[in-house]
Amino acid sequence: MDLTTYAQELGAKAKAASRALRATTQKQRNDVLKSMAKQIRVNAKVILEANAQDVEEGKANGLSSAMIDRLLLNPKRLEGIAASVEDIAKLPDPLGRIIGKHKRKDGLKISRISVPIGVVLFIFESRPNVTIDGAALCIKSGNAVILRGGKEAARTNAAFGECVLEALRAVKLPVASAQVVNTSDRSLLDVLLKDAAHIDLVIPRGGENLIHAVVEKARIPVVKHYKGLCHTYVDKSADAKSATAIVLNAKTQRTGVCNAMETLLLDRSLKAQVGKSLLNALSEKGVELYGDVESQRLSAAVKPATEDNYNTEYLDMKCSVKVVDGVDGAIAHIAKYGTGHTDAVLAKSPKVQKAFLANVDSASVMVNASTRFADGGEYGLGAEVGISTDKLHARGPMGLESLTTYQWIVEGKGHVRK
């Protein structure tokens, strides 16, 4: 395969499809999504068989347990993916929204209207559900999308891609509205990332190395999410029972995801028994703990931490621990080690809550809630194409609104500028 020619074809077809999508009605786009959900259910056996082969190969190639968990599909997860597509179809149309408008004294009307971005290049690793989430969100928001998944999920991605194609054919929209790249050759990305003539935005979703590589090579705007080094701070005013439930959920409910807690910060004034109970609860769940001297005194389960531990996104049953000087100490630690993803404060004190919210500059800040809620579906976005740790153009979970831009509409009656 000539990769340069293939890349140019992908971009040109996507650009043409994006122009057609721009003129579609909300009903047409919703019909595609409803058909996608139907195709996923009809082809469930084929998809799960393809996924089983990917998982088997992944295990043979030594993929980590976290990566296998991201890759694995089962009937329940597959039904969740189909239901998520239907939920996206039910969301309000993100296009044609009047963001702002005013009328000048001379009668000239000026307004800003939401419109599609155009063509999105979506690069992701082992999560095959992203093929469907990305296609559904982009089509709903009137964008064409080029989906380049990781080789570890190649069979599953291809099976999902067929579902999307059948849905587009059923509604008679261009099949190039959502194209699944059929090669894992990384040289293709080098060409696509420079195709500013056809591609308007790149969204990489995966490990830190992937995202750094994309940023270095791209000649197109990139929405970044380097890593989710999420913190939970337990203040002396926290409810002990609630704190235990939240901390366990944040760390152990699903470890291989970017919104899982990676560092637990304990207030130095927290009752020793509460701190010990939290650490022992994590250890009993099988979490390996790495902490400073003070946290080691609280529990024998805590191993000595190095500076590297506090910079590590484990995506595993491991967690860093540190005792800090109240909320100010927690804020300082997060400012030094945080990645702007999601951080939580557990406290009854309104003063502590207010200080944390005012000083922690992350995309999502939780108060008395698990970091695991930092998710497009949980936020009512239907699904997400990723979580941005940037501040421009999108921040946090990226749903439909994040896949739109705006244009100025100026309406006159023969107006000329003097």
Protein backbone atom coordinates (compact mmCIF):
# COMPACT_ATOMS: atom_id res chain seq x y z
CA MET A 1 0.00 0.00 0.00
CA ASP A 2 1.22 3.47 -0.89
CA LEU A 3 0.66 5.20 2.46
CA THR A 4 0.93 8.73 1.09
CA THR A 5 -1.78 8.08 -1.50
CA TYR A 6 -3.96 6.31 1.07
CA ALA A 7 -3.60 9.20 3.54
CA GLN A 8 -4.46 11.76 0.88
CA GLU A 9 -7.54 9.73 -0.11
CA LEU A 10 -8.68 9.50 3.51
CA GLY A 11 -8.35 13.26 3.94
CA ALA A 12 -9.98 14.22 0.64
CA LYS A 13 -12.92 11.87 1.14
CA ALA A 14 -13.42 13.10 4.70
CA LYS A 15 -13.38 16.73 3.56
CA ALA A 16 -16.03 16.06 0.93
CA ALA A 17 -18.13 14.13 3.44
CA SER A 18 -17.85 16.97 5.97
CA ARG A 19 -19.40 19.38 3.48
CA ALA A 20 -22.33 17.01 2.99
CA LEU A 21 -22.74 16.49 6.75
CA ARG A 22 -22.82 20.22 7.33
CA ALA A 23 -26.06 20.40 5.35
CA THR A 24 -27.80 17.47 7.03
CA THR A 25 -30.78 17.72 9.34
CA GLN A 26 -30.77 16.71 12.98
CA LYS A 27 -33.10 13.82 12.10
CA GLN A 28 -30.71 12.44 9.49
CA ARG A 29 -27.81 12.46 11.91
CA ASN A 30 -29.88 10.94 14.70
CA ASP A 31 -31.12 8.23 12.32
CA VAL A 32 -27.51 7.24 11.64
CA LEU A 33 -26.87 6.86 15.37
CA LYS A 34 -30.02 4.81 15.90
CA SER A 35 -28.98 2.57 13.04
CA MET A 36 -25.47 2.25 14.55
CA ALA A 37 -26.94 1.00 17.82
CA LYS A 38 -29.06 -1.50 15.92
CA GLN A 39 -26.07 -2.75 13.92
CA ILE A 40 -24.02 -3.24 17.10
CA ARG A 41 -26.75 -5.43 18.58
CA VAL A 42 -27.34 -7.36 15.38
CA ASN A 43 -23.60 -8.01 14.96
CA ALA A 44 -22.85 -8.63 18.65
CA LYS A 45 -21.56 -12.16 18.06
CA VAL A 46 -19.19 -11.07 15.29
CA ILE A 47 -17.88 -8.15 17.36
CA LEU A 48 -17.28 -10.27 20.47
CA GLU A 49 -15.53 -12.98 18.46
CA ALA A 50 -13.24 -10.37 16.90
CA ASN A 51 -12.59 -8.90 20.33
CA ALA A 52 -11.78 -12.30 21.83
CA GLN A 53 -9.09 -12.75 19.19
CA ASP A 54 -7.66 -9.31 19.94
CA VAL A 55 -7.62 -10.05 23.69
CA GLU A 56 -5.97 -13.45 23.17
CA GLU A 57 -3.28 -11.88 20.99
CA GLY A 58 -2.82 -9.04 23.48
CA LYS A 59 -2.21 -11.47 26.34
CA ALA A 60 0.26 -13.43 24.21
CA ASN A 61 2.09 -10.17 23.45
CA GLY A 62 2.34 -9.28 27.14
CA LEU A 63 -0.17 -6.42 27.36
CA SER A 64 -0.63 -5.22 30.95
CA SER A 65 -3.76 -6.10 32.90
CA ALA A 66 -4.87 -2.47 32.62
CA MET A 67 -4.53 -2.53 28.83
CA ILE A 68 -6.37 -5.85 28.62
CA ASP A 69 -9.18 -4.39 30.72
CA ARG A 70 -9.46 -1.44 28.33
CA LEU A 71 -9.50 -3.79 25.36
CA LEU A 72 -11.94 -6.38 26.68
CA LEU A 73 -15.58 -6.41 25.61
CA ASN A 74 -18.35 -8.61 26.97
CA PRO A 75 -22.11 -8.64 26.32
CA LYS A 76 -22.77 -6.13 29.10
CA ARG A 77 -20.11 -3.68 27.88
CA LEU A 78 -21.28 -4.08 24.30
CA GLU A 79 -24.86 -3.31 25.24
CA GLY A 80 -23.59 -0.29 27.15
CA ILE A 81 -21.87 0.96 23.99
CA ALA A 82 -25.07 0.55 21.94
CA ALA A 83 -27.13 2.28 24.64
CA SER A 84 -24.61 5.13 24.78
CA VAL A 85 -25.07 5.75 21.05
CA GLU A 86 -28.83 5.93 21.56
CA ASP A 87 -28.30 8.37 24.43
CA ILE A 88 -26.22 10.61 22.15
CA ALA A 89 -29.03 10.55 19.57
CA LYS A 90 -31.43 11.86 22.24
CA LEU A 91 -29.25 14.85 23.10
CA PRO A 92 -30.11 18.32 21.78
CA ASP A 93 -28.70 19.28 18.39
CA PRO A 94 -25.35 21.00 18.99
CA LEU A 95 -25.55 22.78 15.64
CA GLY A 96 -27.35 26.02 14.88
CA ARG A 97 -27.27 27.19 18.51
CA ILE A 98 -27.33 30.97 18.85
CA ILE A 99 -24.34 31.62 21.11
CA GLY A 100 -24.82 35.37 21.10
CA LYS A 101 -26.47 38.11 19.08
CA HIS A 102 -27.03 41.83 19.06
CA LYS A 103 -28.42 44.52 16.81
CA ARG A 104 -26.52 47.70 16.10
CA LYS A 105 -28.10 51.13 16.11
CA ASP A 106 -28.04 51.18 12.32
CA GLY A 107 -30.03 47.92 12.20
CA LEU A 108 -27.18 45.58 11.30
CA LYS A 109 -27.73 42.20 13.00
CA ILE A 110 -24.68 40.30 14.27
CA SER A 111 -24.84 36.80 15.72
CA ARG A 112 -22.66 33.78 16.48
CA ILE A 113 -23.96 30.36 15.50
CA SER A 114 -22.53 26.94 16.39
CA VAL A 115 -21.24 24.95 13.40
CA PRO A 116 -19.17 21.78 12.89
CA ILE A 117 -15.40 21.92 13.10
CA GLY A 118 -15.11 19.96 9.84
CA VAL A 119 -12.81 16.92 9.75
CA VAL A 120 -11.49 15.32 12.94
CA LEU A 121 -8.57 12.88 13.05
CA PHE A 122 -9.10 10.69 16.07
CA ILE A 123 -6.10 8.62 17.21
CA PHE A 124 -6.55 6.16 20.05
CA GLU A 125 -5.06 3.04 21.56
CA SER A 126 -6.59 -0.05 23.11
CA ARG A 127 -10.18 0.99 23.83
CA PRO A 128 -12.27 -0.26 20.89
CA ASN A 129 -15.43 1.45 22.20
CA VAL A 130 -13.77 4.72 21.19
CA THR A 131 -14.38 3.75 17.55
CA ILE A 132 -18.11 3.95 18.20
CA ASP A 133 -18.02 6.90 20.62
CA GLY A 134 -15.88 8.90 18.22
CA ALA A 135 -18.03 8.10 15.19
CA ALA A 136 -21.30 8.80 17.02
CA LEU A 137 -20.22 12.11 18.54
CA CYS A 138 -18.65 13.37 15.32
CA ILE A 139 -21.60 12.44 13.11
CA LYS A 140 -24.09 13.92 15.59
CA SER A 141 -22.10 17.18 15.60
CA GLY A 142 -21.85 17.23 11.80
CA ASN A 143 -18.15 16.37 11.58
CA ALA A 144 -16.46 13.79 9.39
CA VAL A 145 -13.99 11.64 11.30
CA ILE A 146 -10.95 9.53 10.49
CA LEU A 147 -10.56 6.87 13.19
CA ARG A 148 -7.11 5.41 13.73
CA GLY A 149 -7.13 2.81 16.50
CA GLY A 150 -4.26 0.79 17.95
CA LYS A 151 -3.17 -2.49 16.40
CA GLU A 152 -4.06 -4.34 19.61
CA ALA A 153 -7.77 -3.74 18.83
CA ALA A 154 -7.58 -3.99 15.03
CA ARG A 155 -10.16 -6.76 14.60
CA THR A 156 -12.65 -5.18 17.00
CA ASN A 157 -12.25 -1.76 15.43
CA ALA A 158 -12.83 -3.21 11.98
CA ALA A 159 -16.02 -4.94 13.17
CA PHE A 160 -17.28 -1.71 14.71
CA GLY A 161 -16.32 0.15 11.54
CA GLU A 162 -18.60 -2.13 9.51
CA CYS A 163 -21.49 -1.28 11.83
CA VAL A 164 -20.90 2.43 11.24
CA LEU A 165 -20.67 1.98 7.46
CA GLU A 166 -23.94 0.04 7.35
CA ALA A 167 -25.64 2.76 9.39
CA LEU A 168 -24.42 5.50 7.03
CA ARG A 169 -25.57 3.50 4.01
CA ALA A 170 -29.00 2.95 5.60
CA VAL A 171 -29.53 6.71 5.95
CA LYS A 172 -27.88 7.43 2.59
CA LEU A 173 -25.12 9.65 3.97
CA PRO A 174 -21.53 9.54 2.65
CA VAL A 175 -19.73 6.45 3.94
CA ALA A 176 -16.58 8.58 4.24
CA SER A 177 -18.27 10.45 7.08
CA ALA A 178 -16.55 7.96 9.41
CA GLN A 179 -13.51 6.10 8.07
CA VAL A 180 -11.64 3.46 10.08
CA VAL A 181 -7.97 3.35 9.07
CA ASN A 182 -7.12 -0.15 7.86
CA THR A 183 -3.40 -0.17 8.69
CA SER A 184 -1.41 0.08 11.92
CA ASP A 185 1.65 1.43 10.08
CA ARG A 186 2.71 4.51 12.02
CA SER A 187 4.14 6.08 8.88
CA LEU A 188 0.56 6.81 7.82
CA LEU A 189 0.14 9.10 10.82
CA ASP A 190 3.17 11.13 9.78
CA VAL A 191 1.34 12.01 6.56
CA LEU A 192 -2.09 12.56 8.11
CA LEU A 193 -0.74 14.83 10.84
CA LYS A 194 0.54 17.23 8.19
CA ASP A 195 -2.62 17.26 6.07
CA ALA A 196 -3.88 20.69 7.13
CA ALA A 197 -5.64 21.05 3.77
CA HIS A 198 -8.20 18.41 4.71
CA ILE A 199 -8.04 17.83 8.49
CA ASP A 200 -9.12 20.51 10.96
CA LEU A 201 -8.46 18.96 14.38
CA VAL A 202 -6.50 16.05 15.86
CA ILE A 203 -7.62 14.32 19.05
CA PRO A 204 -5.15 11.73 20.38
CA ARG A 205 -6.44 9.48 23.14
CA GLY A 206 -3.94 7.15 24.75
CA GLY A 207 -0.66 7.03 26.60
CA GLU A 208 1.60 9.98 27.24
CA ASN A 209 4.14 8.81 24.65
CA LEU A 210 1.51 8.69 21.92
CA ILE A 211 0.29 12.19 22.68
CA HIS A 212 3.78 13.68 22.82
CA ALA A 213 4.56 12.06 19.45
CA VAL A 214 1.39 13.48 17.90
CA VAL A 215 2.06 16.98 19.23
CA GLU A 216 5.63 16.93 17.92
CA LYS A 217 4.61 15.86 14.41
CA ALA A 218 1.29 17.61 13.87
CA ARG A 219 0.82 20.66 11.67
CA ILE A 220 -2.83 20.74 12.70
CA PRO A 221 -4.35 21.88 16.03
CA VAL A 222 -4.23 19.12 18.67
CA VAL A 223 -6.42 18.74 21.75
CA LYS A 224 -4.17 17.11 24.35
CA HIS A 225 -4.58 14.86 27.35
CA TYR A 226 -1.12 13.88 28.50
CA LYS A 227 -2.05 11.91 31.61
CA GLY A 228 -4.51 11.79 34.47
CA LEU A 229 -2.54 12.04 37.68
CA CYS A 230 -5.61 12.45 39.88
CA HIS A 231 -5.43 13.36 43.58
CA THR A 232 -7.86 12.96 46.47
CA TYR A 233 -7.28 15.14 49.54
CA VAL A 234 -8.86 14.01 52.82
CA ASP A 235 -9.27 16.94 55.19
CA LYS A 236 -9.55 16.66 58.98
CA SER A 237 -13.19 17.73 58.61
CA ALA A 238 -14.04 14.85 56.23
CA ASP A 239 -16.68 12.28 57.14
CA ALA A 240 -14.62 9.15 57.83
CA LYS A 241 -17.15 6.61 56.55
CA SER A 242 -17.87 8.57 53.39
CA ALA A 243 -14.16 9.19 52.80
CA THR A 244 -13.41 5.46 52.88
CA ALA A 245 -16.11 4.68 50.33
CA ILE A 246 -14.99 7.50 48.02
CA VAL A 247 -11.27 6.68 48.22
CA LEU A 248 -11.87 2.99 47.52
CA ASN A 249 -14.12 3.82 44.58
CA ALA A 250 -11.67 6.36 43.16
CA LYS A 251 -8.76 3.89 43.28
CA THR A 252 -10.22 0.42 42.82
CA GLN A 253 -13.51 0.64 40.92
CA ARG A 254 -11.56 0.57 37.66
CA THR A 255 -7.83 1.15 37.79
CA GLY A 256 -6.83 1.35 34.13
CA VAL A 257 -8.65 4.61 33.39
CA CYS A 258 -7.48 8.21 33.42
CA ASN A 259 -9.88 9.38 36.14
CA ALA A 260 -8.75 6.81 38.72
CA MET A 261 -7.07 8.25 41.82
CA GLU A 262 -3.29 7.92 41.73
CA THR A 263 -2.31 9.91 44.85
CA LEU A 264 -4.01 10.10 48.25
CA LEU A 265 -3.25 13.22 50.30
CA LEU A 266 -3.97 13.08 54.04
CA ASP A 267 -4.35 16.13 56.27
CA ARG A 268 -1.71 16.10 59.01
CA SER A 269 -4.48 17.02 61.46
CA LEU A 270 -6.64 14.07 60.39
CA LYS A 271 -7.20 11.64 63.26
CA ALA A 272 -4.53 8.96 63.07
CA GLN A 273 -7.13 6.21 63.29
CA VAL A 274 -8.97 7.60 60.25
CA GLY A 275 -5.78 7.80 58.20
CA LYS A 276 -4.78 4.29 59.24
CA SER A 277 -8.23 2.96 58.40
CA LEU A 278 -8.12 4.51 54.91
CA LEU A 279 -4.70 3.06 54.12
CA ASN A 280 -5.55 -0.38 55.49
CA ALA A 281 -8.79 -0.42 53.50
CA LEU A 282 -6.85 0.23 50.30
CA SER A 283 -4.26 -2.40 51.19
CA GLU A 284 -6.95 -4.99 51.96
CA LYS A 285 -8.33 -4.38 48.46
CA GLY A 286 -4.94 -5.29 47.05
CA VAL A 287 -3.60 -1.78 46.41
CA GLU A 288 0.19 -1.35 46.74
CA LEU A 289 0.90 1.84 48.68
CA TYR A 290 3.97 4.09 48.37
CA GLY A 291 4.25 6.98 50.80
CA ASP A 292 6.31 9.38 52.86
CA VAL A 293 7.60 8.67 56.36
CA GLU A 294 4.46 9.95 58.09
CA SER A 295 2.13 7.78 56.02
CA GLN A 296 4.40 4.80 56.66
CA ARG A 297 3.90 5.39 60.40
CA LEU A 298 0.14 5.18 59.89
CA SER A 299 0.24 1.79 58.20
CA ALA A 300 2.84 -0.95 57.79
CA ALA A 301 1.37 -1.56 54.33
CA VAL A 302 2.95 1.67 53.03
CA LYS A 303 6.29 1.26 51.28
CA PRO A 304 8.79 4.13 50.96
CA ALA A 305 7.99 6.49 48.08
CA THR A 306 10.44 8.25 45.79
CA GLU A 307 9.92 11.47 43.85
CA ASP A 308 9.02 9.34 40.84
CA ASN A 309 6.03 7.86 42.64
CA TYR A 310 4.36 11.24 42.93
CA ASN A 311 4.85 11.80 39.19
CA THR A 312 3.44 8.40 38.20
CA GLU A 313 0.09 7.61 36.63
CA TYR A 314 -0.06 3.95 37.63
CA LEU A 315 -3.26 2.81 35.87
CA ASP A 316 -2.91 -0.16 38.18
CA MET A 317 -3.57 -1.28 41.75
CA LYS A 318 -0.92 1.06 43.08
CA CYS A 319 -1.24 4.40 44.84
CA SER A 320 1.02 7.14 46.19
CA VAL A 321 0.31 8.59 49.63
CA LYS A 322 1.48 11.77 51.33
CA VAL A 323 0.66 13.57 54.57
CA VAL A 324 0.27 17.32 53.97
CA ASP A 325 -0.25 20.49 55.99
CA GLY A 326 -3.98 20.92 55.55
CA VAL A 327 -5.68 22.18 52.43
CA ASP A 328 -2.82 24.58 51.65
CA GLY A 329 -0.40 21.64 51.63
CA ALA A 330 -2.72 19.68 49.35
CA ILE A 331 -3.02 22.62 46.97
CA ALA A 332 0.76 23.01 46.85
CA HIS A 333 1.29 19.30 46.18
CA ILE A 334 -1.27 19.27 43.36
CA ALA A 335 0.24 22.42 41.86
CA LYS A 336 3.62 20.66 41.73
CA TYR A 337 2.59 17.19 40.57
CA GLY A 338 -0.91 17.52 39.12
CA THR A 339 -1.71 17.23 35.43
CA GLY A 340 -4.84 19.38 35.33
CA HIS A 341 -7.16 16.40 34.91
CA THR A 342 -9.25 15.71 38.03
CA ASP A 343 -8.67 16.35 41.73
CA ALA A 344 -10.97 15.88 44.71
CA VAL A 345 -11.38 17.32 48.19
CA LEU A 346 -13.17 15.41 50.93
CA ALA A 347 -14.22 17.88 53.61
CA LYS A 348 -17.26 19.09 55.53
CA SER A 349 -15.70 22.49 56.08
CA PRO A 350 -17.07 25.10 53.60
CA LYS A 351 -13.87 27.11 54.10
CA VAL A 352 -11.70 24.16 53.03
CA GLN A 353 -13.97 23.41 50.08
CA LYS A 354 -13.86 27.02 48.94
CA ALA A 355 -10.06 27.20 49.22
CA PHE A 356 -9.63 23.99 47.22
CA LEU A 357 -12.02 25.10 44.47
CA ALA A 358 -10.40 28.51 44.21
CA ASN A 359 -6.82 27.24 43.99
CA VAL A 360 -6.85 23.87 42.22
CA ASP A 361 -6.70 24.59 38.49
CA SER A 362 -7.87 21.27 37.06
CA ALA A 363 -10.41 20.50 34.35
CA SER A 364 -12.64 18.79 36.94
CA VAL A 365 -12.63 19.46 40.68
CA MET A 366 -14.68 17.17 42.91
CA VAL A 367 -16.11 18.01 46.33
CA ASN A 368 -16.96 14.96 48.43
CA ALA A 369 -17.18 12.78 45.33
CA SER A 370 -15.02 10.21 43.57
CA THR A 371 -12.70 11.26 40.76
CA ARG A 372 -14.28 8.46 38.72
CA PHE A 373 -17.17 10.78 37.88
CA ALA A 374 -14.92 12.75 35.49
CA ASP A 375 -16.47 11.23 32.40
CA GLY A 376 -18.57 12.46 29.49
CA GLY A 377 -21.34 9.95 30.11
CA GLU A 378 -21.50 10.80 33.82
CA TYR A 379 -21.62 14.51 32.98
CA GLY A 380 -24.63 14.02 30.72
CA LEU A 381 -22.66 14.42 27.49
CA GLY A 382 -23.75 11.00 26.21
CA ALA A 383 -20.14 9.92 25.70
CA GLU A 384 -16.79 11.58 25.14
CA VAL A 385 -14.03 11.70 22.58
CA GLY A 386 -11.55 12.24 25.38
CA ILE A 387 -10.72 14.41 28.36
CA SER A 388 -8.78 17.53 27.53
CA THR A 389 -6.21 18.88 29.97
CA ASP A 390 -5.79 21.87 27.66
CA LYS A 391 -7.62 25.13 28.29
CA LEU A 392 -8.24 25.93 24.61
CA HIS A 393 -10.40 24.89 22.67
CA ALA A 394 -11.95 22.37 25.06
CA ARG A 395 -11.41 21.40 28.69
CA GLY A 396 -12.37 18.26 30.57
CA PRO A 397 -14.69 15.62 29.10
CA MET A 398 -15.27 16.44 25.43
CA GLY A 399 -18.80 15.86 24.19
CA LEU A 400 -20.87 17.30 21.38
CA GLU A 401 -20.38 20.97 22.22
CA SER A 402 -16.60 20.53 22.21
CA LEU A 403 -16.83 19.25 18.63
CA THR A 404 -18.33 22.49 17.37
CA THR A 405 -16.98 25.92 16.66
CA TYR A 406 -18.91 29.01 15.61
CA GLN A 407 -19.26 31.40 12.74
CA TRP A 408 -20.37 35.00 12.65
CA ILE A 409 -23.59 35.75 10.79
CA VAL A 410 -24.03 39.39 9.78
CA GLU A 411 -27.43 40.39 8.34
CA GLY A 412 -28.01 43.73 6.72
CA LYS A 413 -30.39 45.59 4.44
CA GLY A 414 -28.01 47.16 1.98
CA HIS A 415 -25.63 48.27 4.74
CA VAL A 416 -22.29 49.73 3.73
CA ARG A 417 -19.49 50.73 6.06
CA LYS A 418 -18.80 54.43 6.31
